[in-house]
Protein backbone atom coordinates (compact mmCIF):
# COMPACT_ATOMS: atom_id res chain seq x y z
CA MET A 1 0.00 0.00 0.00
CA ALA A 2 2.87 2.36 0.72
CA GLU A 3 4.29 1.73 -2.73
CA THR A 4 1.04 2.98 -4.29
CA ALA A 5 1.21 6.17 -2.23
CA VAL A 6 4.68 6.84 -3.62
CA VAL A 7 4.25 5.70 -7.22
CA LEU A 8 0.72 6.92 -8.00
CA PRO A 9 1.44 10.67 -7.68
CA LEU A 10 4.54 10.25 -9.82
CA MET A 11 2.61 8.40 -12.51
CA VAL A 12 -0.17 11.00 -12.51
CA MET A 13 2.42 13.78 -12.80
CA LEU A 14 4.11 11.92 -15.66
CA VAL A 15 0.81 11.60 -17.54
CA PHE A 16 0.00 15.29 -17.10
CA CYS A 17 3.50 16.26 -18.22
CA ALA A 18 3.10 14.15 -21.35
CA ILE A 19 -0.23 15.83 -22.10
CA ARG A 20 1.29 19.29 -21.61
CA LEU A 21 4.23 18.43 -23.87
CA ALA A 22 1.80 17.28 -26.56
CA ILE A 23 -0.06 20.59 -26.32
CA LEU A 24 3.21 22.53 -26.55
CA PHE A 25 4.30 20.54 -29.58
CA ASN A 26 0.94 21.22 -31.22
CA ASP A 27 1.40 24.96 -30.61
CA TYR A 28 4.88 24.73 -32.13
CA GLN A 29 3.42 23.07 -35.21
CA PHE A 30 0.84 25.86 -35.53
CA MET A 31 3.62 28.44 -35.39
CA GLN A 32 5.56 26.60 -38.08
CA TYR A 33 2.48 26.40 -40.28
CA ALA A 34 1.70 30.09 -39.71
CA SER A 35 5.20 31.08 -40.82
CA PHE A 36 4.91 28.78 -43.86
CA CYS A 37 1.56 30.32 -44.88
CA SER A 38 2.91 33.80 -44.30
CA ALA A 39 5.98 33.24 -46.45
CA ARG A 40 3.95 31.56 -49.18
CA ALA A 41 1.41 34.38 -49.28
CA ALA A 42 4.18 36.97 -49.47
CA VAL A 43 5.90 35.17 -52.35
CA VAL A 44 2.67 34.70 -54.28
CA HIS A 45 1.75 38.40 -54.01
CA ILE A 46 5.17 39.91 -54.81
CA GLY A 47 4.24 41.06 -58.31
CA SER A 48 0.71 42.22 -57.51
CA LYS A 49 -0.45 45.66 -56.40
CA THR A 50 -1.12 44.54 -52.85
CA ASP A 51 1.59 44.86 -50.23
CA PRO A 52 3.24 41.45 -49.67
CA HIS A 53 3.83 42.25 -45.99
CA SER A 54 0.16 42.91 -45.28
CA VAL A 55 -0.85 39.75 -47.16
CA ALA A 56 1.70 37.71 -45.19
CA ASP A 57 0.46 39.24 -41.94
CA LYS A 58 -3.15 38.35 -42.80
CA ALA A 59 -2.18 34.77 -43.65
CA ALA A 60 -0.31 34.31 -40.36
CA LYS A 61 -3.18 35.85 -38.39
CA ALA A 62 -5.67 33.50 -40.07
CA VAL A 63 -3.68 30.44 -38.99
CA MET A 64 -3.19 31.75 -35.47
CA LEU A 65 -6.89 32.61 -35.23
CA ALA A 66 -7.69 29.00 -36.08
CA SER A 67 -5.33 27.95 -33.30
CA SER A 68 -6.95 30.26 -30.76
CA VAL A 69 -10.44 29.15 -31.79
CA ARG A 70 -9.38 25.55 -31.25
CA LYS A 71 -8.01 26.41 -27.82
CA ALA A 72 -11.16 28.32 -26.90
CA MET A 73 -13.27 25.32 -27.86
CA LEU A 74 -11.10 23.02 -25.74
CA ILE A 75 -11.25 25.38 -22.77
CA LYS A 76 -15.01 25.63 -23.10
CA ALA A 77 -15.23 21.85 -23.08
CA ASN A 78 -12.90 21.77 -20.01
CA LEU A 79 -10.31 19.72 -21.89
CA LEU A 80 -7.48 22.25 -21.67
CA ILE A 81 -6.35 23.95 -18.49
């Protein structure tokens, strides 16, 4: 019984750490995708009359908005603390 009292909190902490690391990795992937979309939008609009910087900014904001909407939905469902 004493072994359970020692091991159980450690196992629970390990599980929560793994979940948090997965969330952090997902956020990192969103940032990578936002920078990819931003660079692609800027390159596509180089020759047009629109400013490539504003187009790149809009593309990055669209990806990050999708990320924040996902987080808001998870928080509302009490799945993300």
